[in-house]
Amino acid sequence: MLKDHIPNSLMYIALLTLKDILGENGFRALLNHSRISEYIENIPPNNEKLEVPFSDFSKLFKGILDIFGEKGARPLLINLGRRSFHVILEENPALFGLVGLGLKLLSKKKRIDKLYTVASKETNMVFGENQNYYMSDEGFVFEIYDCFWCKGLKTKGPICFAEVGWDIEAAKWASGGDDYEVREVLCRAKGDDMCRFVVSLDPKGD
């Protein structure tokens, strides 16, 4: 079960990335619409203190859907997820266990599997998320039973595109630059009992 408050760092990363994507005016408009205007001039610090109400994080993503719609939100949220991975990698790699993984001597599949395994465990611990990760013949699979990306949202189709973007960029980084297909095949926001993501075992084009 998700915690009532999330680490400052998660809101910091989301807001910093959205401000970079949308520009100052778009960023202000989004936060005003989302009724979280207090964050316009007061982005939380990049630390692990549980001080941001989860409800504020949910309002942010509801605001994105309100303004852009499900179709329009897709590229924005994928971009958010991809950029977020690099902000975490550069500024706070310990957040999802990206420190000291020892990936260099492993095969590409084992590198990705190790990264996803560690990141999944860290996510469960930090956010209280009920997440299961495993590798199968189908691919690298994440099953999320209490998803912080879409909790409280109601949509017609899958909407956790920020997770898709994060998984894409994580696989690319772990593999040394290859692009992998990531699909959200189930989503709680559209009425499924979990959010389920499948990452291809092999890079695109292989």
N, C-alpha and C. Protein backbone atom coordinates (compact mmCIF):
# COMPACT_ATOMS: atom_id res chain seq x y z
N MET A 1 0.84 -1.20 0.00
CA MET A 1 0.00 0.00 0.00
C MET A 1 0.88 1.25 0.00
N LEU A 2 0.52 2.20 -0.88
CA LEU A 2 1.31 3.41 -0.98
C LEU A 2 1.23 4.24 0.31
N LYS A 3 2.34 4.89 0.60
CA LYS A 3 2.39 5.75 1.78
C LYS A 3 1.63 7.05 1.53
N ASP A 4 1.21 7.72 2.61
CA ASP A 4 0.47 8.97 2.50
C ASP A 4 1.35 10.11 1.99
N HIS A 5 2.65 10.00 2.22
CA HIS A 5 3.60 11.01 1.77
C HIS A 5 4.70 10.34 0.94
N ILE A 6 5.20 11.07 -0.04
CA ILE A 6 6.27 10.57 -0.89
C ILE A 6 7.54 11.36 -0.63
N PRO A 7 8.70 10.82 -1.02
CA PRO A 7 9.94 11.56 -0.84
C PRO A 7 9.92 12.88 -1.60
N ASN A 8 10.51 13.90 -1.01
CA ASN A 8 10.64 15.18 -1.70
C ASN A 8 11.26 15.00 -3.09
N SER A 9 12.20 14.07 -3.19
CA SER A 9 12.94 13.89 -4.44
C SER A 9 12.05 13.51 -5.61
N LEU A 10 10.98 12.74 -5.37
CA LEU A 10 10.11 12.34 -6.47
C LEU A 10 9.37 13.54 -7.04
N MET A 11 8.84 14.40 -6.17
CA MET A 11 8.15 15.61 -6.64
C MET A 11 9.15 16.57 -7.27
N TYR A 12 10.34 16.66 -6.68
CA TYR A 12 11.41 17.51 -7.23
C TYR A 12 11.71 17.12 -8.68
N ILE A 13 11.89 15.82 -8.91
CA ILE A 13 12.23 15.33 -10.25
C ILE A 13 11.09 15.59 -11.22
N ALA A 14 9.84 15.30 -10.79
CA ALA A 14 8.69 15.50 -11.67
C ALA A 14 8.53 16.97 -12.05
N LEU A 15 8.60 17.85 -11.06
CA LEU A 15 8.41 19.27 -11.32
C LEU A 15 9.55 19.86 -12.14
N LEU A 16 10.78 19.51 -11.82
CA LEU A 16 11.93 20.02 -12.55
C LEU A 16 11.85 19.61 -14.02
N THR A 17 11.48 18.37 -14.25
CA THR A 17 11.41 17.85 -15.62
C THR A 17 10.27 18.50 -16.39
N LEU A 18 9.10 18.63 -15.75
CA LEU A 18 7.96 19.26 -16.42
C LEU A 18 8.24 20.73 -16.73
N LYS A 19 8.93 21.42 -15.85
CA LYS A 19 9.27 22.82 -16.09
C LYS A 19 10.19 22.95 -17.30
N ASP A 20 11.10 22.01 -17.43
CA ASP A 20 12.03 22.01 -18.56
C ASP A 20 11.28 21.72 -19.87
N ILE A 21 10.31 20.81 -19.82
CA ILE A 21 9.56 20.42 -21.02
C ILE A 21 8.57 21.50 -21.43
N LEU A 22 7.83 22.05 -20.47
CA LEU A 22 6.71 22.95 -20.76
C LEU A 22 7.12 24.42 -20.83
N GLY A 23 8.27 24.76 -20.26
CA GLY A 23 8.64 26.16 -20.16
C GLY A 23 7.96 26.80 -18.96
N GLU A 24 8.39 28.01 -18.61
CA GLU A 24 7.90 28.67 -17.40
C GLU A 24 6.39 28.90 -17.44
N ASN A 25 5.88 29.41 -18.55
CA ASN A 25 4.45 29.73 -18.61
C ASN A 25 3.59 28.47 -18.58
N GLY A 26 3.99 27.45 -19.32
CA GLY A 26 3.25 26.20 -19.32
C GLY A 26 3.28 25.52 -17.97
N PHE A 27 4.42 25.60 -17.32
CA PHE A 27 4.59 25.02 -15.98
C PHE A 27 3.66 25.70 -14.98
N ARG A 28 3.61 27.02 -15.01
CA ARG A 28 2.75 27.76 -14.10
C ARG A 28 1.27 27.43 -14.36
N ALA A 29 0.91 27.36 -15.64
CA ALA A 29 -0.47 27.07 -16.00
C ALA A 29 -0.88 25.68 -15.49
N LEU A 30 0.01 24.72 -15.64
CA LEU A 30 -0.29 23.36 -15.20
C LEU A 30 -0.49 23.31 -13.68
N LEU A 31 0.41 23.92 -12.93
CA LEU A 31 0.31 23.85 -11.47
C LEU A 31 -0.88 24.65 -10.94
N ASN A 32 -1.20 25.76 -11.61
CA ASN A 32 -2.40 26.51 -11.20
C ASN A 32 -3.66 25.68 -11.45
N HIS A 33 -3.73 25.05 -12.61
CA HIS A 33 -4.89 24.21 -12.93
C HIS A 33 -4.99 23.03 -11.98
N SER A 34 -3.85 22.48 -11.60
CA SER A 34 -3.82 21.30 -10.73
C SER A 34 -4.07 21.64 -9.26
N ARG A 35 -4.20 22.95 -8.95
CA ARG A 35 -4.43 23.43 -7.59
C ARG A 35 -3.27 23.08 -6.64
N ILE A 36 -2.07 23.17 -7.19
CA ILE A 36 -0.86 22.98 -6.38
C ILE A 36 0.12 24.13 -6.68
N SER A 37 -0.43 25.34 -6.77
CA SER A 37 0.38 26.50 -7.17
C SER A 37 1.49 26.81 -6.17
N GLU A 38 1.38 26.28 -4.95
CA GLU A 38 2.43 26.54 -3.95
C GLU A 38 3.79 26.00 -4.37
N TYR A 39 3.79 25.06 -5.34
CA TYR A 39 5.06 24.49 -5.79
C TYR A 39 5.73 25.30 -6.91
N ILE A 40 5.03 26.32 -7.42
CA ILE A 40 5.61 27.11 -8.52
C ILE A 40 6.93 27.74 -8.10
N GLU A 41 6.94 28.34 -6.94
CA GLU A 41 8.15 29.00 -6.44
C GLU A 41 8.84 28.18 -5.35
N ASN A 42 8.27 27.04 -5.01
CA ASN A 42 8.81 26.25 -3.89
C ASN A 42 8.90 24.77 -4.26
N ILE A 43 9.75 24.47 -5.23
CA ILE A 43 9.98 23.07 -5.59
C ILE A 43 10.69 22.39 -4.41
N PRO A 44 10.22 21.22 -3.99
CA PRO A 44 10.83 20.55 -2.83
C PRO A 44 12.32 20.27 -3.05
N PRO A 45 13.07 20.14 -1.96
CA PRO A 45 14.49 19.80 -2.09
C PRO A 45 14.66 18.36 -2.58
N ASN A 46 15.83 18.09 -3.11
CA ASN A 46 16.11 16.75 -3.66
C ASN A 46 16.64 15.85 -2.54
N ASN A 47 15.75 15.45 -1.63
CA ASN A 47 16.16 14.55 -0.55
C ASN A 47 15.06 13.50 -0.31
N GLU A 48 15.32 12.57 0.59
CA GLU A 48 14.42 11.43 0.78
C GLU A 48 13.40 11.61 1.90
N LYS A 49 13.29 12.81 2.45
CA LYS A 49 12.30 13.04 3.50
C LYS A 49 10.89 12.92 2.95
N LEU A 50 10.03 12.22 3.68
CA LEU A 50 8.64 11.99 3.24
C LEU A 50 7.78 13.19 3.64
N GLU A 51 7.85 14.26 2.84
CA GLU A 51 7.18 15.51 3.20
C GLU A 51 6.14 15.97 2.17
N VAL A 52 6.09 15.34 1.00
CA VAL A 52 5.12 15.75 -0.02
C VAL A 52 3.89 14.85 0.08
N PRO A 53 2.70 15.42 0.31
CA PRO A 53 1.49 14.60 0.35
C PRO A 53 1.29 13.87 -0.98
N PHE A 54 0.97 12.60 -0.90
CA PHE A 54 0.74 11.85 -2.13
C PHE A 54 -0.39 12.48 -2.94
N SER A 55 -1.35 13.08 -2.26
CA SER A 55 -2.48 13.72 -2.95
C SER A 55 -2.01 14.82 -3.89
N ASP A 56 -0.94 15.54 -3.53
CA ASP A 56 -0.41 16.59 -4.41
C ASP A 56 0.18 15.99 -5.67
N PHE A 57 0.87 14.85 -5.53
CA PHE A 57 1.44 14.18 -6.69
C PHE A 57 0.32 13.72 -7.63
N SER A 58 -0.76 13.20 -7.07
CA SER A 58 -1.90 12.76 -7.87
C SER A 58 -2.57 13.93 -8.58
N LYS A 59 -2.68 15.08 -7.89
CA LYS A 59 -3.27 16.27 -8.51
C LYS A 59 -2.47 16.71 -9.73
N LEU A 60 -1.15 16.59 -9.64
CA LEU A 60 -0.28 16.97 -10.76
C LEU A 60 -0.60 16.14 -12.00
N PHE A 61 -0.73 14.83 -11.83
CA PHE A 61 -0.97 13.97 -12.98
C PHE A 61 -2.41 14.08 -13.48
N LYS A 62 -3.35 14.35 -12.59
CA LYS A 62 -4.72 14.60 -13.03
C LYS A 62 -4.77 15.88 -13.84
N GLY A 63 -4.01 16.89 -13.42
CA GLY A 63 -3.94 18.14 -14.17
C GLY A 63 -3.40 17.95 -15.57
N ILE A 64 -2.39 17.11 -15.71
CA ILE A 64 -1.82 16.81 -17.03
C ILE A 64 -2.89 16.20 -17.93
N LEU A 65 -3.66 15.25 -17.39
CA LEU A 65 -4.73 14.62 -18.17
C LEU A 65 -5.83 15.60 -18.52
N ASP A 66 -6.19 16.47 -17.58
CA ASP A 66 -7.23 17.47 -17.83
C ASP A 66 -6.85 18.38 -18.99
N ILE A 67 -5.60 18.82 -19.00
CA ILE A 67 -5.15 19.80 -19.99
C ILE A 67 -4.85 19.16 -21.35
N PHE A 68 -4.16 18.03 -21.33
CA PHE A 68 -3.67 17.44 -22.58
C PHE A 68 -4.52 16.29 -23.10
N GLY A 69 -5.38 15.72 -22.24
CA GLY A 69 -6.13 14.54 -22.65
C GLY A 69 -5.23 13.31 -22.64
N GLU A 70 -5.83 12.15 -22.75
CA GLU A 70 -5.04 10.91 -22.70
C GLU A 70 -4.05 10.83 -23.86
N LYS A 71 -4.49 11.16 -25.07
CA LYS A 71 -3.63 11.07 -26.25
C LYS A 71 -2.50 12.09 -26.17
N GLY A 72 -2.84 13.31 -25.81
CA GLY A 72 -1.83 14.36 -25.74
C GLY A 72 -0.85 14.18 -24.59
N ALA A 73 -1.32 13.50 -23.52
CA ALA A 73 -0.45 13.29 -22.36
C ALA A 73 0.61 12.24 -22.63
N ARG A 74 0.36 11.35 -23.58
CA ARG A 74 1.28 10.23 -23.82
C ARG A 74 2.72 10.68 -24.10
N PRO A 75 2.97 11.52 -25.13
CA PRO A 75 4.36 11.92 -25.39
C PRO A 75 4.97 12.73 -24.26
N LEU A 76 4.14 13.56 -23.60
CA LEU A 76 4.64 14.36 -22.49
C LEU A 76 5.10 13.47 -21.34
N LEU A 77 4.29 12.47 -20.98
CA LEU A 77 4.62 11.62 -19.85
C LEU A 77 5.78 10.67 -20.17
N ILE A 78 5.85 10.19 -21.41
CA ILE A 78 7.00 9.36 -21.79
C ILE A 78 8.28 10.18 -21.69
N ASN A 79 8.22 11.40 -22.19
CA ASN A 79 9.37 12.31 -22.09
C ASN A 79 9.73 12.56 -20.64
N LEU A 80 8.70 12.77 -19.80
CA LEU A 80 8.92 12.97 -18.37
C LEU A 80 9.65 11.77 -17.76
N GLY A 81 9.19 10.56 -18.08
CA GLY A 81 9.82 9.36 -17.54
C GLY A 81 11.26 9.21 -17.99
N ARG A 82 11.51 9.46 -19.26
CA ARG A 82 12.87 9.31 -19.80
C ARG A 82 13.82 10.33 -19.17
N ARG A 83 13.38 11.56 -19.10
CA ARG A 83 14.23 12.61 -18.52
C ARG A 83 14.43 12.37 -17.02
N SER A 84 13.39 11.89 -16.36
CA SER A 84 13.48 11.64 -14.93
C SER A 84 14.57 10.63 -14.61
N PHE A 85 14.69 9.61 -15.46
CA PHE A 85 15.72 8.61 -15.22
C PHE A 85 17.10 9.28 -15.17
N HIS A 86 17.35 10.20 -16.07
CA HIS A 86 18.68 10.83 -16.13
C HIS A 86 18.88 11.83 -14.99
N VAL A 87 17.80 12.49 -14.56
CA VAL A 87 17.93 13.38 -13.39
C VAL A 87 18.29 12.54 -12.17
N ILE A 88 17.62 11.41 -12.01
CA ILE A 88 17.93 10.51 -10.89
C ILE A 88 19.37 10.02 -10.99
N LEU A 89 19.76 9.61 -12.18
CA LEU A 89 21.10 9.07 -12.39
C LEU A 89 22.18 10.10 -12.06
N GLU A 90 21.94 11.35 -12.42
CA GLU A 90 22.94 12.39 -12.23
C GLU A 90 22.91 13.00 -10.83
N GLU A 91 21.72 13.14 -10.26
CA GLU A 91 21.61 13.89 -9.01
C GLU A 91 21.33 13.03 -7.77
N ASN A 92 20.67 11.88 -7.97
CA ASN A 92 20.28 11.09 -6.81
C ASN A 92 20.20 9.60 -7.18
N PRO A 93 21.31 9.01 -7.61
CA PRO A 93 21.28 7.62 -8.09
C PRO A 93 20.89 6.60 -7.03
N ALA A 94 21.03 6.94 -5.77
CA ALA A 94 20.67 6.00 -4.71
C ALA A 94 19.15 5.81 -4.59
N LEU A 95 18.37 6.74 -5.16
CA LEU A 95 16.91 6.70 -4.99
C LEU A 95 16.33 5.37 -5.47
N PHE A 96 16.77 4.90 -6.62
CA PHE A 96 16.28 3.63 -7.15
C PHE A 96 17.39 2.58 -7.22
N GLY A 97 18.40 2.74 -6.38
CA GLY A 97 19.44 1.72 -6.30
C GLY A 97 20.38 1.69 -7.49
N LEU A 98 20.65 2.85 -8.10
CA LEU A 98 21.48 2.89 -9.30
C LEU A 98 22.97 3.03 -9.00
N VAL A 99 23.36 2.82 -7.76
CA VAL A 99 24.75 2.96 -7.35
C VAL A 99 25.38 1.58 -7.16
N GLY A 100 26.59 1.40 -7.70
CA GLY A 100 27.35 0.18 -7.44
C GLY A 100 26.70 -1.10 -7.92
N LEU A 101 26.09 -1.07 -9.09
CA LEU A 101 25.41 -2.27 -9.59
C LEU A 101 26.37 -3.31 -10.17
N GLY A 102 27.55 -2.89 -10.59
CA GLY A 102 28.51 -3.84 -11.15
C GLY A 102 28.02 -4.53 -12.40
N LEU A 103 27.60 -3.75 -13.39
CA LEU A 103 26.96 -4.29 -14.59
C LEU A 103 27.94 -4.64 -15.72
N LYS A 104 29.13 -4.12 -15.69
CA LYS A 104 30.02 -4.17 -16.86
C LYS A 104 30.32 -5.57 -17.35
N LEU A 105 30.45 -6.52 -16.46
CA LEU A 105 30.87 -7.88 -16.87
C LEU A 105 29.69 -8.78 -17.24
N LEU A 106 28.48 -8.27 -17.13
CA LEU A 106 27.29 -9.08 -17.41
C LEU A 106 26.83 -8.92 -18.85
N SER A 107 26.05 -9.88 -19.32
CA SER A 107 25.42 -9.76 -20.64
C SER A 107 24.36 -8.67 -20.58
N LYS A 108 23.89 -8.23 -21.74
CA LYS A 108 22.90 -7.16 -21.77
C LYS A 108 21.64 -7.55 -21.01
N LYS A 109 21.15 -8.75 -21.24
CA LYS A 109 19.92 -9.18 -20.56
C LYS A 109 20.11 -9.23 -19.06
N LYS A 110 21.25 -9.71 -18.62
CA LYS A 110 21.50 -9.80 -17.19
C LYS A 110 21.70 -8.42 -16.58
N ARG A 111 22.27 -7.49 -17.35
CA ARG A 111 22.43 -6.12 -16.85
C ARG A 111 21.06 -5.46 -16.63
N ILE A 112 20.19 -5.62 -17.62
CA ILE A 112 18.85 -5.03 -17.51
C ILE A 112 18.08 -5.69 -16.37
N ASP A 113 18.16 -7.02 -16.30
CA ASP A 113 17.46 -7.75 -15.24
C ASP A 113 17.93 -7.31 -13.86
N LYS A 114 19.23 -7.13 -13.70
CA LYS A 114 19.75 -6.72 -12.40
C LYS A 114 19.30 -5.31 -12.05
N LEU A 115 19.34 -4.41 -13.02
CA LEU A 115 18.90 -3.03 -12.77
C LEU A 115 17.42 -3.00 -12.37
N TYR A 116 16.59 -3.69 -13.13
CA TYR A 116 15.15 -3.72 -12.83
C TYR A 116 14.87 -4.38 -11.47
N THR A 117 15.59 -5.44 -11.16
CA THR A 117 15.39 -6.13 -9.87
C THR A 117 15.67 -5.19 -8.71
N VAL A 118 16.81 -4.51 -8.76
CA VAL A 118 17.19 -3.59 -7.68
C VAL A 118 16.23 -2.41 -7.61
N ALA A 119 15.90 -1.82 -8.78
CA ALA A 119 15.01 -0.66 -8.80
C ALA A 119 13.63 -1.01 -8.26
N SER A 120 13.14 -2.21 -8.58
CA SER A 120 11.83 -2.64 -8.10
C SER A 120 11.81 -2.77 -6.57
N LYS A 121 12.86 -3.37 -6.02
CA LYS A 121 12.95 -3.52 -4.57
C LYS A 121 13.03 -2.17 -3.88
N GLU A 122 13.82 -1.25 -4.45
CA GLU A 122 13.95 0.08 -3.86
C GLU A 122 12.63 0.84 -3.92
N THR A 123 11.91 0.69 -5.03
CA THR A 123 10.62 1.36 -5.17
C THR A 123 9.64 0.89 -4.11
N ASN A 124 9.58 -0.42 -3.90
CA ASN A 124 8.69 -0.96 -2.87
C ASN A 124 9.04 -0.42 -1.49
N MET A 125 10.32 -0.33 -1.22
CA MET A 125 10.77 0.11 0.11
C MET A 125 10.51 1.59 0.33
N VAL A 126 10.80 2.42 -0.68
CA VAL A 126 10.71 3.87 -0.52
C VAL A 126 9.26 4.35 -0.55
N PHE A 127 8.46 3.82 -1.48
CA PHE A 127 7.12 4.35 -1.70
C PHE A 127 6.01 3.50 -1.09
N GLY A 128 6.35 2.31 -0.61
CA GLY A 128 5.32 1.43 -0.11
C GLY A 128 4.49 0.84 -1.23
N GLU A 129 5.05 0.84 -2.43
CA GLU A 129 4.32 0.33 -3.59
C GLU A 129 4.35 -1.19 -3.60
N ASN A 130 3.25 -1.79 -3.96
CA ASN A 130 3.16 -3.24 -4.05
C ASN A 130 3.51 -3.65 -5.47
N GLN A 131 4.79 -3.88 -5.71
CA GLN A 131 5.28 -4.12 -7.06
C GLN A 131 6.03 -5.44 -7.13
N ASN A 132 5.82 -6.16 -8.22
CA ASN A 132 6.52 -7.42 -8.44
C ASN A 132 7.22 -7.36 -9.79
N TYR A 133 8.49 -7.75 -9.80
CA TYR A 133 9.25 -7.77 -11.06
C TYR A 133 9.81 -9.17 -11.29
N TYR A 134 9.81 -9.61 -12.55
CA TYR A 134 10.44 -10.88 -12.90
C TYR A 134 10.76 -10.88 -14.39
N MET A 135 11.65 -11.77 -14.79
CA MET A 135 11.98 -11.96 -16.20
C MET A 135 11.42 -13.31 -16.64
N SER A 136 10.75 -13.33 -17.79
CA SER A 136 10.17 -14.56 -18.32
C SER A 136 10.37 -14.60 -19.83
N ASP A 137 9.83 -15.62 -20.48
CA ASP A 137 9.93 -15.69 -21.94
C ASP A 137 9.19 -14.54 -22.61
N GLU A 138 8.24 -13.97 -21.88
CA GLU A 138 7.47 -12.84 -22.41
C GLU A 138 8.29 -11.56 -22.44
N GLY A 139 9.21 -11.42 -21.50
CA GLY A 139 10.02 -10.22 -21.42
C GLY A 139 10.40 -9.91 -19.99
N PHE A 140 10.87 -8.68 -19.76
CA PHE A 140 11.08 -8.17 -18.40
C PHE A 140 9.73 -7.61 -17.95
N VAL A 141 9.19 -8.13 -16.88
CA VAL A 141 7.80 -7.83 -16.53
C VAL A 141 7.70 -7.15 -15.16
N PHE A 142 6.96 -6.04 -15.13
CA PHE A 142 6.61 -5.37 -13.88
C PHE A 142 5.11 -5.50 -13.67
N GLU A 143 4.72 -5.94 -12.48
CA GLU A 143 3.31 -5.98 -12.11
C GLU A 143 3.14 -5.10 -10.87
N ILE A 144 2.37 -4.03 -11.01
CA ILE A 144 2.23 -3.04 -9.95
C ILE A 144 0.78 -3.04 -9.47
N TYR A 145 0.59 -3.37 -8.21
CA TYR A 145 -0.76 -3.51 -7.67
C TYR A 145 -1.27 -2.25 -6.99
N ASP A 146 -0.39 -1.31 -6.73
CA ASP A 146 -0.77 -0.03 -6.15
C ASP A 146 0.16 1.01 -6.77
N CYS A 147 -0.25 1.58 -7.90
CA CYS A 147 0.66 2.35 -8.76
C CYS A 147 0.60 3.84 -8.44
N PHE A 148 1.76 4.43 -8.13
CA PHE A 148 1.76 5.85 -7.77
C PHE A 148 1.57 6.75 -8.98
N TRP A 149 1.76 6.23 -10.21
CA TRP A 149 1.56 7.05 -11.40
C TRP A 149 0.08 7.31 -11.68
N CYS A 150 -0.78 6.33 -11.40
CA CYS A 150 -2.18 6.48 -11.81
C CYS A 150 -3.19 6.34 -10.68
N LYS A 151 -2.74 6.25 -9.45
CA LYS A 151 -3.67 6.05 -8.33
C LYS A 151 -4.69 7.19 -8.29
N GLY A 152 -5.96 6.83 -8.26
CA GLY A 152 -7.03 7.81 -8.19
C GLY A 152 -7.50 8.33 -9.54
N LEU A 153 -6.85 7.91 -10.63
CA LEU A 153 -7.23 8.37 -11.97
C LEU A 153 -8.17 7.37 -12.63
N LYS A 154 -9.05 7.87 -13.50
CA LYS A 154 -9.94 7.03 -14.29
C LYS A 154 -9.75 7.38 -15.76
N THR A 155 -9.35 6.39 -16.56
CA THR A 155 -9.08 6.64 -17.97
C THR A 155 -9.67 5.54 -18.84
N LYS A 156 -9.71 5.80 -20.14
CA LYS A 156 -10.20 4.79 -21.08
C LYS A 156 -9.11 3.79 -21.46
N GLY A 157 -7.87 4.26 -21.50
CA GLY A 157 -6.76 3.40 -21.88
C GLY A 157 -5.64 3.49 -20.87
N PRO A 158 -4.56 2.70 -21.09
CA PRO A 158 -3.40 2.76 -20.20
C PRO A 158 -2.84 4.18 -20.16
N ILE A 159 -2.39 4.61 -18.97
CA ILE A 159 -1.98 6.00 -18.83
C ILE A 159 -0.63 6.17 -18.14
N CYS A 160 0.00 5.09 -17.69
CA CYS A 160 1.25 5.21 -16.92
C CYS A 160 2.45 5.35 -17.85
N PHE A 161 2.39 6.35 -18.72
CA PHE A 161 3.43 6.52 -19.72
C PHE A 161 4.75 7.01 -19.13
N ALA A 162 4.70 7.63 -17.96
CA ALA A 162 5.95 8.03 -17.31
C ALA A 162 6.75 6.80 -16.91
N GLU A 163 6.06 5.76 -16.44
CA GLU A 163 6.73 4.50 -16.12
C GLU A 163 7.30 3.87 -17.39
N VAL A 164 6.55 3.93 -18.48
CA VAL A 164 7.04 3.41 -19.77
C VAL A 164 8.33 4.12 -20.16
N GLY A 165 8.32 5.45 -20.07
CA GLY A 165 9.51 6.22 -20.43
C GLY A 165 10.70 5.90 -19.55
N TRP A 166 10.45 5.74 -18.23
CA TRP A 166 11.52 5.41 -17.30
C TRP A 166 12.11 4.04 -17.63
N ASP A 167 11.24 3.07 -17.91
CA ASP A 167 11.72 1.72 -18.22
C ASP A 167 12.50 1.69 -19.53
N ILE A 168 12.05 2.48 -20.52
CA ILE A 168 12.77 2.57 -21.79
C ILE A 168 14.18 3.07 -21.57
N GLU A 169 14.30 4.16 -20.82
CA GLU A 169 15.61 4.79 -20.64
C GLU A 169 16.51 3.95 -19.74
N ALA A 170 15.92 3.27 -18.75
CA ALA A 170 16.71 2.41 -17.87
C ALA A 170 17.31 1.25 -18.66
N ALA A 171 16.50 0.63 -19.54
CA ALA A 171 17.01 -0.47 -20.36
C ALA A 171 18.09 0.01 -21.32
N LYS A 172 17.88 1.20 -21.87
CA LYS A 172 18.88 1.76 -22.80
C LYS A 172 20.20 2.01 -22.08
N TRP A 173 20.13 2.55 -20.88
CA TRP A 173 21.35 2.83 -20.11
C TRP A 173 22.05 1.54 -19.71
N ALA A 174 21.30 0.57 -19.21
CA ALA A 174 21.90 -0.68 -18.74
C ALA A 174 22.50 -1.48 -19.88
N SER A 175 21.89 -1.40 -21.07
CA SER A 175 22.36 -2.20 -22.21
C SER A 175 23.52 -1.55 -22.94
N GLY A 176 23.77 -0.29 -22.66
CA GLY A 176 24.85 0.41 -23.35
C GLY A 176 24.40 1.19 -24.56
N GLY A 177 23.08 1.44 -24.67
CA GLY A 177 22.61 2.31 -25.75
C GLY A 177 21.53 1.74 -26.65
N ASP A 178 21.07 0.52 -26.41
CA ASP A 178 20.05 -0.08 -27.27
C ASP A 178 18.65 0.37 -26.86
N ASP A 179 17.76 0.40 -27.83
CA ASP A 179 16.36 0.76 -27.59
C ASP A 179 15.52 -0.50 -27.45
N TYR A 180 14.67 -0.53 -26.43
CA TYR A 180 13.80 -1.67 -26.17
C TYR A 180 12.34 -1.23 -26.20
N GLU A 181 11.47 -2.13 -26.62
CA GLU A 181 10.04 -1.84 -26.63
C GLU A 181 9.46 -2.05 -25.24
N VAL A 182 8.66 -1.10 -24.78
CA VAL A 182 7.99 -1.21 -23.49
C VAL A 182 6.49 -1.00 -23.72
N ARG A 183 5.68 -1.94 -23.24
CA ARG A 183 4.23 -1.85 -23.39
C ARG A 183 3.55 -1.93 -22.03
N GLU A 184 2.58 -1.07 -21.80
CA GLU A 184 1.71 -1.22 -20.63
C GLU A 184 0.49 -1.99 -21.10
N VAL A 185 0.38 -3.24 -20.69
CA VAL A 185 -0.68 -4.11 -21.19
C VAL A 185 -1.91 -4.13 -20.27
N LEU A 186 -1.74 -3.72 -19.03
CA LEU A 186 -2.84 -3.57 -18.08
C LEU A 186 -2.63 -2.28 -17.30
N CYS A 187 -3.74 -1.63 -16.90
CA CYS A 187 -3.62 -0.39 -16.14
C CYS A 187 -4.80 -0.24 -15.18
N ARG A 188 -4.49 0.03 -13.94
CA ARG A 188 -5.54 0.18 -12.92
C ARG A 188 -6.47 1.36 -13.24
N ALA A 189 -5.93 2.40 -13.88
CA ALA A 189 -6.75 3.57 -14.17
C ALA A 189 -7.91 3.24 -15.11
N LYS A 190 -7.75 2.22 -15.94
CA LYS A 190 -8.83 1.85 -16.85
C LYS A 190 -9.62 0.64 -16.35
N GLY A 191 -9.40 0.27 -15.09
CA GLY A 191 -10.22 -0.75 -14.47
C GLY A 191 -9.58 -2.11 -14.28
N ASP A 192 -8.33 -2.29 -14.72
CA ASP A 192 -7.64 -3.56 -14.51
C ASP A 192 -7.23 -3.70 -13.05
N ASP A 193 -6.89 -4.92 -12.63
CA ASP A 193 -6.54 -5.14 -11.23
C ASP A 193 -5.08 -4.84 -10.93
N MET A 194 -4.32 -4.47 -11.94
CA MET A 194 -2.91 -4.09 -11.76
C MET A 194 -2.47 -3.27 -12.95
N CYS A 195 -1.32 -2.62 -12.81
CA CYS A 195 -0.61 -2.04 -13.95
C CYS A 195 0.50 -3.01 -14.32
N ARG A 196 0.51 -3.44 -15.56
CA ARG A 196 1.48 -4.47 -15.99
C ARG A 196 2.26 -3.96 -17.19
N PHE A 197 3.58 -4.00 -17.06
CA PHE A 197 4.48 -3.51 -18.11
C PHE A 197 5.36 -4.65 -18.60
N VAL A 198 5.52 -4.75 -19.91
CA VAL A 198 6.37 -5.78 -20.50
C VAL A 198 7.43 -5.11 -21.36
N VAL A 199 8.69 -5.36 -21.02
CA VAL A 199 9.83 -4.83 -21.77
C VAL A 199 10.40 -5.97 -22.62
N SER A 200 10.62 -5.72 -23.90
CA SER A 200 11.12 -6.76 -24.79
C SER A 200 12.47 -7.28 -24.32
N LEU A 201 12.70 -8.59 -24.49
CA LEU A 201 13.98 -9.18 -24.08
C LEU A 201 15.12 -8.75 -24.98
N ASP A 202 14.80 -8.46 -26.23
CA ASP A 202 15.83 -8.08 -27.19
C ASP A 202 15.60 -6.66 -27.69
N PRO A 203 16.65 -5.97 -28.10
CA PRO A 203 16.49 -4.60 -28.60
C PRO A 203 15.64 -4.56 -29.86
N LYS A 204 15.09 -3.41 -30.14
CA LYS A 204 14.34 -3.22 -31.38
C LYS A 204 15.24 -3.49 -32.58
N GLY A 205 14.71 -4.20 -33.57
CA GLY A 205 15.47 -4.48 -34.78
C GLY A 205 16.24 -5.77 -34.75
N ASP A 206 16.38 -6.40 -33.58
CA ASP A 206 17.10 -7.68 -33.51
C ASP A 206 16.18 -8.84 -33.89
